[in-house]
Amino acid sequence: MSLALKIVLAVVSVILTISILLQSSNSAGLSGSIGGGAEQLFGKKKSQGYEGLLSKISTVTAVLFIVLSLVLVALE
């Protein structure tokens, strides 16, 4: 059981890393978050298509990564 969860965790972490690396940068670092971050926060810049799909994949795999990590810690 533990070995299977570790393998699934490894696959999820690779998918999470790839999906984050494939996303394009939407701001210019900290200055972009201060100056133009409000538009993204309140939904004026909604991503569609490829960017939206990558965002959803990143969110789902991040949640899976956290849950699997907690389950593995609880089992050992």
PDB file of N, CA and C in Angstrom:
ATOM      1  N   MET A   1       0.827  -1.197   0.000  1.00  0.00           N
ATOM      2  CA  MET A   1       0.000   0.000   0.000  1.00  0.00           C
ATOM      3  C   MET A   1       0.870   1.259   0.000  1.00  0.00           C
ATOM      4  N   SER A   2       1.869   1.265   0.873  1.00  0.00           N
ATOM      5  CA  SER A   2       2.743   2.428   0.982  1.00  0.00           C
ATOM      6  C   SER A   2       3.558   2.626  -0.298  1.00  0.00           C
ATOM      7  N   LEU A   3       4.013   1.537  -0.875  1.00  0.00           N
ATOM      8  CA  LEU A   3       4.794   1.638  -2.111  1.00  0.00           C
ATOM      9  C   LEU A   3       3.938   2.182  -3.250  1.00  0.00           C
ATOM     10  N   ALA A   4       2.710   1.733  -3.345  1.00  0.00           N
ATOM     11  CA  ALA A   4       1.813   2.223  -4.395  1.00  0.00           C
ATOM     12  C   ALA A   4       1.534   3.715  -4.222  1.00  0.00           C
ATOM     13  N   LEU A   5       1.337   4.161  -2.987  1.00  0.00           N
ATOM     14  CA  LEU A   5       1.100   5.579  -2.737  1.00  0.00           C
ATOM     15  C   LEU A   5       2.330   6.413  -3.055  1.00  0.00           C
ATOM     16  N   LYS A   6       3.509   5.864  -2.780  1.00  0.00           N
ATOM     17  CA  LYS A   6       4.749   6.583  -3.108  1.00  0.00           C
ATOM     18  C   LYS A   6       4.921   6.725  -4.617  1.00  0.00           C
ATOM     19  N   ILE A   7       4.550   5.699  -5.359  1.00  0.00           N
ATOM     20  CA  ILE A   7       4.644   5.766  -6.824  1.00  0.00           C
ATOM     21  C   ILE A   7       3.651   6.791  -7.365  1.00  0.00           C
ATOM     22  N   VAL A   8       2.420   6.775  -6.835  1.00  0.00           N
ATOM     23  CA  VAL A   8       1.418   7.753  -7.264  1.00  0.00           C
ATOM     24  C   VAL A   8       1.876   9.168  -6.911  1.00  0.00           C
ATOM     25  N   LEU A   9       2.479   9.347  -5.739  1.00  0.00           N
ATOM     26  CA  LEU A   9       2.995  10.655  -5.330  1.00  0.00           C
ATOM     27  C   LEU A   9       4.098  11.130  -6.265  1.00  0.00           C
ATOM     28  N   ALA A  10       4.959  10.232  -6.690  1.00  0.00           N
ATOM     29  CA  ALA A  10       6.025  10.597  -7.622  1.00  0.00           C
ATOM     30  C   ALA A  10       5.451  11.039  -8.971  1.00  0.00           C
ATOM     31  N   VAL A  11       4.456  10.315  -9.460  1.00  0.00           N
ATOM     32  CA  VAL A  11       3.823  10.672 -10.736  1.00  0.00           C
ATOM     33  C   VAL A  11       3.108  12.016 -10.620  1.00  0.00           C
ATOM     34  N   VAL A  12       2.397  12.227  -9.517  1.00  0.00           N
ATOM     35  CA  VAL A  12       1.685  13.487  -9.310  1.00  0.00           C
ATOM     36  C   VAL A  12       2.672  14.646  -9.225  1.00  0.00           C
ATOM     37  N   SER A  13       3.796  14.439  -8.556  1.00  0.00           N
ATOM     38  CA  SER A  13       4.771  15.523  -8.435  1.00  0.00           C
ATOM     39  C   SER A  13       5.403  15.876  -9.778  1.00  0.00           C
ATOM     40  N   VAL A  14       5.625  14.882 -10.630  1.00  0.00           N
ATOM     41  CA  VAL A  14       6.159  15.161 -11.962  1.00  0.00           C
ATOM     42  C   VAL A  14       5.132  15.934 -12.800  1.00  0.00           C
ATOM     43  N   ILE A  15       3.884  15.528 -12.749  1.00  0.00           N
ATOM     44  CA  ILE A  15       2.818  16.227 -13.488  1.00  0.00           C
ATOM     45  C   ILE A  15       2.665  17.652 -12.978  1.00  0.00           C
ATOM     46  N   LEU A  16       2.731  17.837 -11.670  1.00  0.00           N
ATOM     47  CA  LEU A  16       2.623  19.178 -11.082  1.00  0.00           C
ATOM     48  C   LEU A  16       3.771  20.066 -11.536  1.00  0.00           C
ATOM     49  N   THR A  17       4.973  19.534 -11.527  1.00  0.00           N
ATOM     50  CA  THR A  17       6.144  20.306 -11.956  1.00  0.00           C
ATOM     51  C   THR A  17       6.036  20.697 -13.421  1.00  0.00           C
ATOM     52  N   ILE A  18       5.654  19.761 -14.261  1.00  0.00           N
ATOM     53  CA  ILE A  18       5.540  20.044 -15.696  1.00  0.00           C
ATOM     54  C   ILE A  18       4.440  21.055 -15.968  1.00  0.00           C
ATOM     55  N   SER A  19       3.300  20.911 -15.298  1.00  0.00           N
ATOM     56  CA  SER A  19       2.192  21.843 -15.549  1.00  0.00           C
ATOM     57  C   SER A  19       2.530  23.254 -15.080  1.00  0.00           C
ATOM     58  N   ILE A  20       3.303  23.388 -14.024  1.00  0.00           N
ATOM     59  CA  ILE A  20       3.703  24.717 -13.574  1.00  0.00           C
ATOM     60  C   ILE A  20       4.743  25.311 -14.512  1.00  0.00           C
ATOM     61  N   LEU A  21       5.671  24.512 -14.977  1.00  0.00           N
ATOM     62  CA  LEU A  21       6.705  25.025 -15.880  1.00  0.00           C
ATOM     63  C   LEU A  21       6.154  25.418 -17.243  1.00  0.00           C
ATOM     64  N   LEU A  22       5.070  24.797 -17.673  1.00  0.00           N
ATOM     65  CA  LEU A  22       4.489  25.120 -18.973  1.00  0.00           C
ATOM     66  C   LEU A  22       3.637  26.387 -18.954  1.00  0.00           C
ATOM     67  N   GLN A  23       3.261  26.847 -17.774  1.00  0.00           N
ATOM     68  CA  GLN A  23       2.433  28.054 -17.692  1.00  0.00           C
ATOM     69  C   GLN A  23       3.272  29.283 -18.021  1.00  0.00           C
ATOM     70  N   SER A  24       2.640  30.225 -18.713  1.00  0.00           N
ATOM     71  CA  SER A  24       3.349  31.455 -19.035  1.00  0.00           C
ATOM     72  C   SER A  24       3.255  32.420 -17.871  1.00  0.00           C
ATOM     73  N   SER A  25       4.236  33.293 -17.802  1.00  0.00           N
ATOM     74  CA  SER A  25       4.262  34.277 -16.727  1.00  0.00           C
ATOM     75  C   SER A  25       3.286  35.395 -17.043  1.00  0.00           C
ATOM     76  N   ASN A  26       2.436  35.750 -16.083  1.00  0.00           N
ATOM     77  CA  ASN A  26       1.433  36.783 -16.302  1.00  0.00           C
ATOM     78  C   ASN A  26       1.798  38.113 -15.676  1.00  0.00           C
ATOM     79  N   SER A  27       2.863  38.160 -14.901  1.00  0.00           N
ATOM     80  CA  SER A  27       3.241  39.409 -14.263  1.00  0.00           C
ATOM     81  C   SER A  27       4.754  39.560 -14.276  1.00  0.00           C
ATOM     82  N   ALA A  28       5.201  40.729 -13.870  1.00  0.00           N
ATOM     83  CA  ALA A  28       6.625  41.022 -13.855  1.00  0.00           C
ATOM     84  C   ALA A  28       7.157  40.902 -12.433  1.00  0.00           C
ATOM     85  N   GLY A  29       6.946  39.781 -11.801  1.00  0.00           N
ATOM     86  CA  GLY A  29       7.446  39.560 -10.458  1.00  0.00           C
ATOM     87  C   GLY A  29       6.646  40.311  -9.411  1.00  0.00           C
ATOM     88  N   LEU A  30       7.348  40.811  -8.399  1.00  0.00           N
ATOM     89  CA  LEU A  30       6.686  41.488  -7.297  1.00  0.00           C
ATOM     90  C   LEU A  30       6.040  42.788  -7.738  1.00  0.00           C
ATOM     91  N   SER A  31       6.677  43.510  -8.655  1.00  0.00           N
ATOM     92  CA  SER A  31       6.087  44.771  -9.117  1.00  0.00           C
ATOM     93  C   SER A  31       4.793  44.523  -9.896  1.00  0.00           C
ATOM     94  N   GLY A  32       4.721  43.426 -10.620  1.00  0.00           N
ATOM     95  CA  GLY A  32       3.493  43.093 -11.331  1.00  0.00           C
ATOM     96  C   GLY A  32       2.370  42.709 -10.400  1.00  0.00           C
ATOM     97  N   SER A  33       2.721  42.078  -9.284  1.00  0.00           N
ATOM     98  CA  SER A  33       1.670  41.698  -8.342  1.00  0.00           C
ATOM     99  C   SER A  33       1.125  42.910  -7.602  1.00  0.00           C
ATOM    100  N   ILE A  34       1.953  43.917  -7.388  1.00  0.00           N
ATOM    101  CA  ILE A  34       1.483  45.124  -6.712  1.00  0.00           C
ATOM    102  C   ILE A  34       0.692  46.000  -7.681  1.00  0.00           C
ATOM    103  N   GLY A  35       1.233  46.191  -8.871  1.00  0.00           N
ATOM    104  CA  GLY A  35       0.589  47.103  -9.815  1.00  0.00           C
ATOM    105  C   GLY A  35      -0.568  46.508 -10.571  1.00  0.00           C
ATOM    106  N   GLY A  36      -0.426  45.283 -11.061  1.00  0.00           N
ATOM    107  CA  GLY A  36      -1.457  44.735 -11.929  1.00  0.00           C
ATOM    108  C   GLY A  36      -2.104  43.477 -11.426  1.00  0.00           C
ATOM    109  N   GLY A  37      -1.853  43.115 -10.190  1.00  0.00           N
ATOM    110  CA  GLY A  37      -2.414  41.885  -9.652  1.00  0.00           C
ATOM    111  C   GLY A  37      -3.891  41.957  -9.358  1.00  0.00           C
ATOM    112  N   ALA A  38      -4.411  43.156  -9.187  1.00  0.00           N
ATOM    113  CA  ALA A  38      -5.827  43.292  -8.845  1.00  0.00           C
ATOM    114  C   ALA A  38      -6.721  42.834  -9.988  1.00  0.00           C
ATOM    115  N   GLU A  39      -6.284  43.035 -11.216  1.00  0.00           N
ATOM    116  CA  GLU A  39      -7.111  42.601 -12.348  1.00  0.00           C
ATOM    117  C   GLU A  39      -7.253  41.086 -12.359  1.00  0.00           C
ATOM    118  N   GLN A  40      -6.178  40.387 -12.053  1.00  0.00           N
ATOM    119  CA  GLN A  40      -6.256  38.934 -12.045  1.00  0.00           C
ATOM    120  C   GLN A  40      -7.062  38.439 -10.852  1.00  0.00           C
ATOM    121  N   LEU A  41      -6.939  39.130  -9.724  1.00  0.00           N
ATOM    122  CA  LEU A  41      -7.635  38.699  -8.524  1.00  0.00           C
ATOM    123  C   LEU A  41      -9.142  38.825  -8.672  1.00  0.00           C
ATOM    124  N   PHE A  42      -9.588  39.880  -9.304  1.00  0.00           N
ATOM    125  CA  PHE A  42     -11.027  40.118  -9.411  1.00  0.00           C
ATOM    126  C   PHE A  42     -11.619  39.632 -10.727  1.00  0.00           C
ATOM    127  N   GLY A  43     -10.876  38.890 -11.517  1.00  0.00           N
ATOM    128  CA  GLY A  43     -11.439  38.198 -12.656  1.00  0.00           C
ATOM    129  C   GLY A  43     -11.514  38.972 -13.947  1.00  0.00           C
ATOM    130  N   LYS A  44     -10.798  40.072 -14.084  1.00  0.00           N
ATOM    131  CA  LYS A  44     -10.835  40.791 -15.350  1.00  0.00           C
ATOM    132  C   LYS A  44     -10.015  40.083 -16.416  1.00  0.00           C
ATOM    133  N   LYS A  45      -9.036  39.292 -15.978  1.00  0.00           N
ATOM    134  CA  LYS A  45      -8.189  38.561 -16.915  1.00  0.00           C
ATOM    135  C   LYS A  45      -8.423  37.071 -16.728  1.00  0.00           C
ATOM    136  N   LYS A  46      -9.493  36.567 -17.221  1.00  0.00           N
ATOM    137  CA  LYS A  46      -9.779  35.139 -17.082  1.00  0.00           C
ATOM    138  C   LYS A  46      -9.056  34.377 -18.185  1.00  0.00           C
ATOM    139  N   SER A  47      -8.339  33.344 -17.776  1.00  0.00           N
ATOM    140  CA  SER A  47      -7.633  32.548 -18.773  1.00  0.00           C
ATOM    141  C   SER A  47      -8.574  31.496 -19.342  1.00  0.00           C
ATOM    142  N   GLN A  48      -8.441  31.293 -20.621  1.00  0.00           N
ATOM    143  CA  GLN A  48      -9.273  30.320 -21.309  1.00  0.00           C
ATOM    144  C   GLN A  48      -8.388  29.401 -22.123  1.00  0.00           C
ATOM    145  N   GLY A  49      -8.918  28.283 -22.483  1.00  0.00           N
ATOM    146  CA  GLY A  49      -8.209  27.355 -23.348  1.00  0.00           C
ATOM    147  C   GLY A  49      -7.045  26.687 -22.650  1.00  0.00           C
ATOM    148  N   TYR A  50      -5.882  26.799 -23.276  1.00  0.00           N
ATOM    149  CA  TYR A  50      -4.668  26.116 -22.837  1.00  0.00           C
ATOM    150  C   TYR A  50      -4.243  26.573 -21.438  1.00  0.00           C
ATOM    151  N   GLU A  51      -4.253  27.878 -21.204  1.00  0.00           N
ATOM    152  CA  GLU A  51      -3.852  28.405 -19.903  1.00  0.00           C
ATOM    153  C   GLU A  51      -4.818  27.972 -18.802  1.00  0.00           C
ATOM    154  N   GLY A  52      -6.096  27.977 -19.102  1.00  0.00           N
ATOM    155  CA  GLY A  52      -7.082  27.541 -18.124  1.00  0.00           C
ATOM    156  C   GLY A  52      -6.933  26.070 -17.780  1.00  0.00           C
ATOM    157  N   LEU A  53      -6.656  25.261 -18.795  1.00  0.00           N
ATOM    158  CA  LEU A  53      -6.461  23.831 -18.578  1.00  0.00           C
ATOM    159  C   LEU A  53      -5.232  23.577 -17.714  1.00  0.00           C
ATOM    160  N   LEU A  54      -4.134  24.279 -18.003  1.00  0.00           N
ATOM    161  CA  LEU A  54      -2.926  24.120 -17.191  1.00  0.00           C
ATOM    162  C   LEU A  54      -3.152  24.569 -15.754  1.00  0.00           C
ATOM    163  N   SER A  55      -3.931  25.604 -15.582  1.00  0.00           N
ATOM    164  CA  SER A  55      -4.229  26.084 -14.243  1.00  0.00           C
ATOM    165  C   SER A  55      -5.044  25.060 -13.460  1.00  0.00           C
ATOM    166  N   LYS A  56      -6.015  24.456 -14.111  1.00  0.00           N
ATOM    167  CA  LYS A  56      -6.834  23.435 -13.445  1.00  0.00           C
ATOM    168  C   LYS A  56      -6.011  22.195 -13.117  1.00  0.00           C
ATOM    169  N   ILE A  57      -5.146  21.793 -14.046  1.00  0.00           N
ATOM    170  CA  ILE A  57      -4.279  20.639 -13.801  1.00  0.00           C
ATOM    171  C   ILE A  57      -3.353  20.918 -12.625  1.00  0.00           C
ATOM    172  N   SER A  58      -2.803  22.122 -12.573  1.00  0.00           N
ATOM    173  CA  SER A  58      -1.917  22.488 -11.465  1.00  0.00           C
ATOM    174  C   SER A  58      -2.654  22.469 -10.132  1.00  0.00           C
ATOM    175  N   THR A  59      -3.862  22.976 -10.118  1.00  0.00           N
ATOM    176  CA  THR A  59      -4.638  23.008  -8.880  1.00  0.00           C
ATOM    177  C   THR A  59      -4.962  21.601  -8.397  1.00  0.00           C
ATOM    178  N   VAL A  60      -5.427  20.757  -9.298  1.00  0.00           N
ATOM    179  CA  VAL A  60      -5.803  19.389  -8.921  1.00  0.00           C
ATOM    180  C   VAL A  60      -4.591  18.598  -8.458  1.00  0.00           C
ATOM    181  N   THR A  61      -3.484  18.704  -9.175  1.00  0.00           N
ATOM    182  CA  THR A  61      -2.301  17.941  -8.783  1.00  0.00           C
ATOM    183  C   THR A  61      -1.681  18.477  -7.491  1.00  0.00           C
ATOM    184  N   ALA A  62      -1.800  19.779  -7.241  1.00  0.00           N
ATOM    185  CA  ALA A  62      -1.292  20.327  -5.979  1.00  0.00           C
ATOM    186  C   ALA A  62      -2.091  19.792  -4.799  1.00  0.00           C
ATOM    187  N   VAL A  63      -3.406  19.728  -4.957  1.00  0.00           N
ATOM    188  CA  VAL A  63      -4.245  19.177  -3.887  1.00  0.00           C
ATOM    189  C   VAL A  63      -3.943  17.691  -3.684  1.00  0.00           C
ATOM    190  N   LEU A  64      -3.796  16.949  -4.775  1.00  0.00           N
ATOM    191  CA  LEU A  64      -3.450  15.528  -4.669  1.00  0.00           C
ATOM    192  C   LEU A  64      -2.095  15.336  -3.999  1.00  0.00           C
ATOM    193  N   PHE A  65      -1.137  16.189  -4.325  1.00  0.00           N
ATOM    194  CA  PHE A  65       0.193  16.104  -3.736  1.00  0.00           C
ATOM    195  C   PHE A  65       0.125  16.289  -2.222  1.00  0.00           C
ATOM    196  N   ILE A  66      -0.622  17.288  -1.784  1.00  0.00           N
ATOM    197  CA  ILE A  66      -0.736  17.547  -0.350  1.00  0.00           C
ATOM    198  C   ILE A  66      -1.446  16.403   0.359  1.00  0.00           C
ATOM    199  N   VAL A  67      -2.545  15.932  -0.216  1.00  0.00           N
ATOM    200  CA  VAL A  67      -3.309  14.844   0.414  1.00  0.00           C
ATOM    201  C   VAL A  67      -2.486  13.567   0.478  1.00  0.00           C
ATOM    202  N   LEU A  68      -1.820  13.213  -0.613  1.00  0.00           N
ATOM    203  CA  LEU A  68      -1.004  12.000  -0.625  1.00  0.00           C
ATOM    204  C   LEU A  68       0.158  12.104   0.355  1.00  0.00           C
ATOM    205  N   SER A  69       0.764  13.279   0.454  1.00  0.00           N
ATOM    206  CA  SER A  69       1.861  13.464   1.406  1.00  0.00           C
ATOM    207  C   SER A  69       1.385  13.270   2.831  1.00  0.00           C
ATOM    208  N   LEU A  70       0.228  13.831   3.161  1.00  0.00           N
ATOM    209  CA  LEU A  70      -0.313  13.680   4.517  1.00  0.00           C
ATOM    210  C   LEU A  70      -0.694  12.228   4.809  1.00  0.00           C
ATOM    211  N   VAL A  71      -1.244  11.545   3.823  1.00  0.00           N
ATOM    212  CA  VAL A  71      -1.617  10.140   4.015  1.00  0.00           C
ATOM    213  C   VAL A  71      -0.369   9.285   4.238  1.00  0.00           C
ATOM    214  N   LEU A  72       0.682   9.532   3.475  1.00  0.00           N
ATOM    215  CA  LEU A  72       1.911   8.764   3.645  1.00  0.00           C
ATOM    216  C   LEU A  72       2.551   9.031   5.008  1.00  0.00           C
ATOM    217  N   VAL A  73       2.499  10.254   5.478  1.00  0.00           N
ATOM    218  CA  VAL A  73       3.050  10.555   6.798  1.00  0.00           C
ATOM    219  C   VAL A  73       2.222   9.857   7.881  1.00  0.00           C
ATOM    220  N   ALA A  74       0.921   9.824   7.700  1.00  0.00           N
ATOM    221  CA  ALA A  74       0.056   9.182   8.692  1.00  0.00           C
ATOM    222  C   ALA A  74       0.252   7.662   8.723  1.00  0.00           C
ATOM    223  N   LEU A  75       0.593   7.082   7.582  1.00  0.00           N
ATOM    224  CA  LEU A  75       0.769   5.634   7.525  1.00  0.00           C
ATOM    225  C   LEU A  75       2.092   5.187   8.140  1.00  0.00           C
ATOM    226  N   GLU A  76       3.079   6.054   8.121  1.00  0.00           N
ATOM    227  CA  GLU A  76       4.397   5.634   8.611  1.00  0.00           C
ATOM    228  C   GLU A  76       4.702   6.133   9.978  1.00  0.00           C
TER     229      GLU A  76
END
